[in-house]
Protein backbone atom coordinates (compact mmCIF):
# COMPACT_ATOMS: atom_id res chain seq x y z
CA MET A 1 0.22 -5.03 40.20
CA SER A 2 2.68 -2.68 41.88
CA SER A 3 4.37 -5.72 43.45
CA VAL A 4 5.11 -7.17 40.02
CA VAL A 5 6.58 -3.87 38.84
CA ARG A 6 8.67 -3.53 42.02
CA ALA A 7 9.93 -7.10 41.62
CA ALA A 8 10.89 -6.44 38.00
CA LEU A 9 12.70 -3.23 38.94
CA VAL A 10 14.58 -4.93 41.76
CA TYR A 11 15.54 -7.81 39.44
CA VAL A 12 16.88 -5.44 36.78
CA PHE A 13 18.71 -3.33 39.37
CA LEU A 14 20.42 -6.36 40.94
CA LEU A 15 21.23 -7.83 37.54
CA LEU A 16 22.94 -4.61 36.48
CA LEU A 17 24.70 -4.25 39.83
CA PHE A 18 26.17 -7.75 39.76
CA ARG A 19 27.00 -7.48 36.07
CA LEU A 20 28.93 -4.26 36.67
CA SER A 21 30.70 -5.69 39.71
CA GLY A 22 32.54 -8.14 37.48
CA LYS A 23 32.68 -11.83 36.78
CA ARG A 24 35.33 -12.65 39.35
CA THR A 25 33.05 -11.36 42.09
CA LEU A 26 30.61 -14.17 41.39
CA ALA A 27 33.20 -16.91 40.95
CA SER A 28 35.25 -16.31 44.06
CA ILE A 29 32.82 -15.66 46.88
CA THR A 30 34.44 -14.79 50.17
CA THR A 31 33.01 -14.47 53.66
CA PHE A 32 32.64 -10.74 53.04
CA ASP A 33 30.75 -11.42 49.79
CA LEU A 34 28.38 -13.78 51.59
CA VAL A 35 27.68 -11.21 54.31
CA LEU A 36 27.15 -8.54 51.65
CA THR A 37 24.71 -10.81 49.81
CA LEU A 38 22.73 -11.39 52.99
CA VAL A 39 22.61 -7.66 53.73
CA ILE A 40 21.53 -6.90 50.16
CA SER A 41 18.75 -9.47 50.41
CA GLU A 42 17.51 -7.85 53.62
CA CYS A 43 17.54 -4.40 52.02
CA VAL A 44 15.74 -5.60 48.92
CA GLN A 45 13.16 -7.55 50.89
CA GLN A 46 11.50 -4.37 52.16
CA ALA A 47 11.43 -2.88 48.65
CA LEU A 48 9.70 -6.02 47.36
CA VAL A 49 7.27 -6.71 50.15
CA GLY A 50 6.39 -3.22 51.35
CA ASP A 51 3.46 -3.46 53.78
CA ASP A 52 2.09 -6.74 52.41
CA GLY A 53 3.71 -9.73 54.09
CA SER A 54 1.09 -12.25 53.02
CA LEU A 55 1.93 -15.67 51.66
CA THR A 56 0.12 -14.90 48.41
CA HIS A 57 2.18 -11.76 47.94
CA GLY A 58 5.39 -13.70 48.58
CA PHE A 59 4.39 -16.34 46.03
CA LEU A 60 3.59 -13.62 43.49
CA LEU A 61 7.03 -12.06 43.96
CA VAL A 62 8.82 -15.40 43.59
CA LEU A 63 6.75 -16.18 40.50
CA THR A 64 7.56 -12.76 38.99
CA LEU A 65 11.30 -13.05 39.61
CA THR A 66 11.40 -16.60 38.26
CA ALA A 67 9.39 -15.64 35.18
CA ILE A 68 11.77 -12.78 34.42
CA ASP A 69 14.74 -15.11 34.79
CA VAL A 70 13.21 -17.74 32.48
CA PHE A 71 12.24 -15.06 29.95
CA LEU A 72 15.77 -13.66 29.89
CA SER A 73 17.29 -17.13 29.53
CA VAL A 74 15.07 -17.79 26.49
CA LEU A 75 16.03 -14.42 24.99
CA LYS A 76 19.74 -15.09 25.61
CA ARG A 77 19.50 -18.37 23.70
CA ARG A 78 17.99 -16.57 20.72
CA ARG A 79 20.13 -13.44 20.75
CA ALA A 80 23.88 -13.79 21.10
CA LYS A 81 24.33 -10.04 21.58
CA LEU A 82 21.96 -10.03 24.53
CA ARG A 83 23.82 -12.99 26.05
CA ALA A 84 27.09 -11.09 25.68
CA VAL A 85 25.58 -8.04 27.41
CA LEU A 86 23.99 -9.97 30.28
CA ASP A 87 26.60 -12.70 30.81
CA GLY A 88 29.71 -11.16 29.29
CA LYS A 89 32.25 -12.87 27.07
CA ALA A 90 35.24 -15.02 27.83
CA LEU A 91 38.36 -12.89 28.16
CA ILE A 92 41.97 -13.97 27.59
CA LEU A 93 44.11 -13.08 30.61
CA VAL A 94 47.39 -14.77 29.66
CA ARG A 95 48.65 -15.92 26.25
CA ASP A 96 51.94 -17.75 25.74
CA GLY A 97 53.02 -16.98 29.28
CA GLU A 98 52.51 -13.23 28.81
CA PRO A 99 49.90 -11.53 30.99
CA ARG A 100 47.48 -9.18 29.27
CA ALA A 101 47.60 -6.27 31.70
CA GLU A 102 44.55 -4.46 30.34
CA ALA A 103 42.34 -7.55 30.61
CA LEU A 104 43.60 -8.31 34.13
CA HIS A 105 42.96 -4.73 35.22
CA GLN A 106 39.54 -4.57 33.53
CA GLU A 107 38.26 -7.61 35.43
CA ARG A 108 40.19 -6.90 38.66
CA VAL A 109 42.06 -10.20 38.46
CA ASP A 110 45.64 -10.46 39.64
CA LEU A 111 48.32 -12.92 38.56
CA ASP A 112 47.98 -14.80 41.84
CA ASP A 113 44.43 -15.73 40.80
CA VAL A 114 45.69 -16.99 37.44
CA LEU A 115 48.57 -18.94 39.00
CA SER A 116 46.25 -20.44 41.60
CA ALA A 117 43.93 -21.68 38.85
CA ALA A 118 46.94 -22.98 36.90
CA ARG A 119 48.18 -24.96 39.91
CA GLU A 120 44.75 -26.35 40.75
CA ARG A 121 43.74 -27.33 37.25
CA ARG A 122 46.98 -28.13 35.43
CA GLY A 123 49.72 -28.53 38.01
CA VAL A 124 51.51 -25.55 36.48
CA ILE A 125 53.57 -23.45 38.87
CA ALA A 126 55.13 -20.79 36.62
CA LEU A 127 53.44 -18.22 34.43
CA ASP A 128 55.86 -19.10 31.61
CA ASP A 129 54.25 -22.56 31.52
CA VAL A 130 50.77 -21.16 30.86
CA ASP A 131 49.77 -21.33 27.21
CA LEU A 132 46.38 -19.72 27.72
CA ALA A 133 44.41 -18.50 30.73
CA VAL A 134 40.83 -17.43 30.10
CA LEU A 135 38.35 -15.75 32.41
CA GLU A 136 35.16 -17.58 31.49
CA GLU A 137 31.67 -16.10 31.37
CA GLY A 138 30.81 -17.61 34.74
CA GLY A 139 33.87 -16.08 36.43
CA GLY A 140 36.11 -19.14 36.61
CA ILE A 141 39.58 -19.19 35.13
CA SER A 142 40.41 -21.99 32.71
CA VAL A 143 44.04 -22.70 31.96
CA SER A 144 45.87 -24.66 29.29
CA ALA A 145 49.52 -25.47 29.83
CA ARG A 146 52.25 -25.40 27.25
CA ARG A 147 52.76 -28.96 26.14
CA ASP A 148 56.53 -28.79 26.21
CA ARG A 149 56.68 -27.40 29.75
CA ALA A 150 53.62 -28.77 31.54
CA MET A 151 54.11 -30.92 34.58
CA ARG A 152 57.89 -30.42 34.81
CA PRO A 153 59.63 -32.71 37.26
CA GLU A 154 60.93 -30.85 40.28
């Protein structure tokens, strides 16, 4: 039974850690982020397994973590407030070509990230041409271009 409790505690700890680290962390994984994830998994592995490295124990841990994840997903569908706490809300970064400095700072997003998303998704090269840029719940940036300025000929 202690394995189930340890698995639940590790799940909650990692959920909080990644939630506090920000949405952009999850959306734009770098080589450093990948290495950090691997190191974290190694550190957590000992906390989960302890002295019992049996196959049954491993299955129990995977089952526990998956059950917690399914349970939380069901709760999030039923409770919008819980979804907002666990997944966050979409956040407007740019409106009518004007950056919202507080939102950018809060999520540690810089204008280069916004302009990169604008170029990739809408072919927009100038911030003035961005109607709306939103940091979505999953960490991606969606962009809508101003109709009168989008896709200007060069």
